[in-house]
Protein backbone atom coordinates (compact mmCIF):
# COMPACT_ATOMS: atom_id res chain seq x y z
CA ARG A 1 -1.10 -19.20 8.02
CA LEU A 2 1.83 -17.36 9.60
CA VAL A 3 0.88 -14.20 7.73
CA GLN A 4 -2.79 -14.41 8.72
CA HIS A 5 -2.01 -15.26 12.34
CA SER A 6 0.49 -12.44 12.74
CA TRP A 7 -1.79 -9.96 10.96
CA ALA A 8 -4.55 -10.69 13.48
CA LEU A 9 -2.30 -9.17 16.16
CA VAL A 10 -1.41 -6.11 14.07
CA GLU A 11 -5.08 -5.59 13.23
CA LYS A 12 -5.83 -4.72 16.84
CA ASP A 13 -4.29 -1.26 16.33
CA LEU A 14 -4.35 -0.62 12.58
CA ASP A 15 -4.37 3.15 12.79
CA ALA A 16 -1.23 3.40 14.91
CA HIS A 17 0.56 0.79 12.79
CA GLY A 18 -0.53 2.60 9.63
CA ILE A 19 0.96 5.88 10.81
CA LYS A 20 4.20 4.12 11.81
CA PHE A 21 4.26 2.48 8.37
CA PHE A 22 3.98 5.78 6.50
CA MET A 23 6.41 7.59 8.78
CA ARG A 24 8.89 4.79 8.06
CA ILE A 25 8.34 5.20 4.30
CA PHE A 26 9.09 8.92 4.65
CA THR A 27 12.20 8.16 6.73
CA ILE A 28 13.53 5.75 4.11
CA ALA A 29 12.52 7.93 1.15
CA PRO A 30 11.72 11.52 2.16
CA GLY A 31 10.84 12.43 -1.42
CA ALA A 32 7.94 9.97 -1.35
CA LEU A 33 6.01 12.46 0.78
CA GLN A 34 5.58 14.63 -2.33
CA LEU A 35 3.23 11.99 -3.79
CA PHE A 36 0.61 12.65 -1.11
CA SER A 37 -1.99 15.35 -0.57
CA PHE A 38 -0.88 15.76 3.06
CA LYS A 39 2.71 16.61 2.05
CA ASP A 40 2.43 20.11 3.56
CA ALA A 41 0.94 19.06 6.90
CA LYS A 42 2.53 20.96 9.79
CA ASP A 43 2.70 17.99 12.18
CA LEU A 44 2.68 15.07 9.77
CA GLU A 45 2.49 12.33 12.37
CA LYS A 46 -0.70 13.89 13.80
CA SER A 47 -2.21 14.83 10.44
CA PRO A 48 -5.84 13.69 10.08
CA GLU A 49 -5.22 13.21 6.36
CA LEU A 50 -2.27 10.90 7.01
CA ALA A 51 -4.27 9.01 9.64
CA ALA A 52 -7.17 8.52 7.24
CA HIS A 53 -4.96 7.34 4.38
CA ALA A 54 -2.86 5.13 6.66
CA GLY A 55 -6.01 3.48 8.00
CA THR A 56 -7.30 2.87 4.49
CA VAL A 57 -4.00 1.35 3.39
CA MET A 58 -3.78 -0.91 6.42
CA ARG A 59 -7.37 -2.10 5.94
CA THR A 60 -6.46 -2.85 2.32
CA VAL A 61 -3.46 -4.87 3.50
CA GLY A 62 -5.86 -6.70 5.81
CA GLN A 63 -8.17 -7.48 2.91
CA ALA A 64 -5.21 -8.79 0.92
CA VAL A 65 -4.15 -10.97 3.86
CA ALA A 66 -7.69 -12.32 4.13
CA GLY A 67 -7.65 -12.95 0.38
CA LEU A 68 -4.56 -15.14 0.57
CA SER A 69 -6.87 -18.11 1.00
CA ASP A 70 -8.43 -17.33 -2.42
CA VAL A 71 -5.57 -16.12 -4.60
CA GLN A 72 -7.57 -16.27 -7.84
CA THR A 73 -9.95 -13.65 -6.45
CA LEU A 74 -7.11 -11.60 -4.97
CA ILE A 75 -5.07 -11.32 -8.19
CA PRO A 76 -7.48 -8.99 -10.08
CA VAL A 77 -7.85 -6.84 -6.96
CA LEU A 78 -4.07 -6.41 -6.73
CA GLN A 79 -3.82 -5.75 -10.47
CA SER A 80 -6.44 -3.03 -10.17
CA LEU A 81 -4.67 -1.54 -7.17
CA GLY A 82 -1.34 -1.54 -9.01
CA GLY A 83 -2.87 0.10 -12.06
CA ALA A 84 -4.64 2.73 -9.99
CA HIS A 85 -1.40 3.86 -8.37
CA ALA A 86 0.13 4.88 -11.71
CA LYS A 87 -1.96 8.03 -11.80
CA TYR A 88 -0.47 9.10 -8.46
CA GLY A 89 3.08 8.93 -9.77
CA VAL A 90 4.03 5.68 -8.06
CA GLN A 91 7.03 4.06 -9.74
CA PRO A 92 8.29 0.45 -9.66
CA GLU A 93 11.24 1.58 -7.53
CA HIS A 94 8.80 2.50 -4.75
CA PHE A 95 7.85 -1.15 -4.12
CA PRO A 96 11.09 -2.07 -2.28
CA ILE A 97 10.69 1.02 -0.07
CA VAL A 98 7.11 0.11 0.80
CA GLY A 99 8.13 -3.50 1.41
CA GLU A 100 10.94 -2.46 3.74
CA ALA A 101 8.59 -0.14 5.63
CA LEU A 102 5.93 -2.84 5.90
CA LEU A 103 8.37 -5.42 7.28
CA TRP A 104 9.77 -2.85 9.73
CA THR A 105 6.25 -1.94 10.89
CA LEU A 106 5.34 -5.59 11.37
CA GLU A 107 8.54 -6.20 13.31
CA GLN A 108 7.78 -3.21 15.56
CA GLY A 109 4.25 -4.45 16.17
CA LEU A 110 4.97 -8.15 16.55
CA GLY A 111 8.48 -8.18 18.03
CA PRO A 112 7.51 -7.21 21.59
CA ALA A 113 4.91 -10.01 21.61
CA GLY A 114 7.56 -12.51 20.55
CA VAL A 115 5.68 -13.24 17.33
CA TRP A 116 8.20 -11.75 14.87
CA THR A 117 10.30 -14.83 14.19
CA SER A 118 12.49 -15.59 11.19
CA GLU A 119 9.70 -17.85 9.89
CA VAL A 120 7.13 -15.06 10.14
CA LYS A 121 9.52 -12.62 8.49
CA ASP A 122 10.15 -15.09 5.64
CA ALA A 123 6.42 -15.65 5.18
CA TRP A 124 5.75 -11.91 5.00
CA THR A 125 8.69 -11.37 2.65
CA LYS A 126 7.39 -14.06 0.27
CA THR A 127 3.88 -12.61 0.50
CA TRP A 128 5.15 -9.11 -0.30
CA ASP A 129 7.22 -10.42 -3.21
CA THR A 130 4.09 -12.10 -4.59
CA VAL A 131 2.03 -8.92 -4.18
CA VAL A 132 4.69 -6.94 -6.05
CA SER A 133 4.84 -9.55 -8.82
CA VAL A 134 1.14 -8.92 -9.46
CA MET A 135 0.91 -5.16 -8.83
CA GLU A 136 4.08 -4.00 -10.58
CA PRO A 137 3.21 -5.15 -14.13
CA ALA A 138 -0.23 -3.56 -13.76
CA LEU A 139 1.38 -0.31 -12.57
CA ILE A 140 3.78 -0.29 -15.51
CA GLU A 141 1.02 -1.02 -18.03
CA SER A 142 -1.23 1.68 -16.61
CA ALA A 143 1.62 4.21 -16.57
CA ARG A 144 2.30 3.40 -20.22
CA GLU A 145 -1.38 3.93 -21.09
CA ILE A 146 -1.47 7.23 -19.21
CA SER A 147 1.67 8.52 -20.93
CA ALA A 148 0.15 7.68 -24.34
CA MET A 149 -3.04 9.65 -23.62
CA THR A 150 -3.85 12.97 -25.15
CA PRO A 151 -4.67 15.75 -22.65
CA ALA A 152 -8.38 15.33 -23.48
CA ASP A 153 -8.20 11.57 -22.89
CA HIS A 154 -6.40 12.16 -19.61
CA MET A 155 -9.06 14.65 -18.47
CA LYS A 156 -11.82 12.22 -19.45
CA ARG A 157 -10.19 9.46 -17.40
CA LEU A 158 -9.82 11.73 -14.36
CA VAL A 159 -13.50 12.67 -14.55
CA GLN A 160 -14.54 9.03 -14.93
CA ASP A 161 -12.34 7.92 -12.04
CA SER A 162 -13.58 10.68 -9.75
CA TRP A 163 -17.20 9.99 -10.71
CA ALA A 164 -16.70 6.32 -9.86
CA LEU A 165 -15.65 7.42 -6.37
CA VAL A 166 -18.79 9.56 -6.03
CA GLU A 167 -20.98 6.62 -7.01
CA LYS A 168 -19.55 4.50 -4.19
C-alpha cells in the first residue's frame, strides 16, 4: 500500500519525473547513455526522444505498481520485460544503477510533500528487489539465447520483434 499510495503522487507529473530518473541514471553511470538512441542529443534533458522514452518507462513502472495487487499476473510481464532488454545490451550490473536512480527520483518527488519516509523507502526498496529478482534471470536467459544465435537467426528475431511492434 505504501508503494501504491506514494506512486499516486509521483504519477501526477510522470514526464518530469521520468526525465529526472534518466538524468540521474546518466549521472551515476555516464556510459549507460550509449545504450540509447538519443545518446547524441545536443540538449539531452530537453530531447523529445528522451522525454518519450522516459514517459514510457514511467508508465510501465506505474503498470507494475498497479500490478502489485496481482503478482501472478505481474510476474510474466516482468519476465518478458527483462528478456526484451537483453537485445539492447542491458546487463545485470545495470539493475543497481536503475534502482538507485529510481529511489533518488522518488525521494526528490515525494520528499518535499513529506511522503518520503523510511517506511516508504523500505517498501520501494523491497519492491525493486522483487522486480529485479524476476527480471534479471529473464535478462540473463535471453542474453544467453541471443549469444547462441547464428547471424541469420539474429536477423530473423529482429524482423519478428520489429514486426510485432508494427502490428500493435
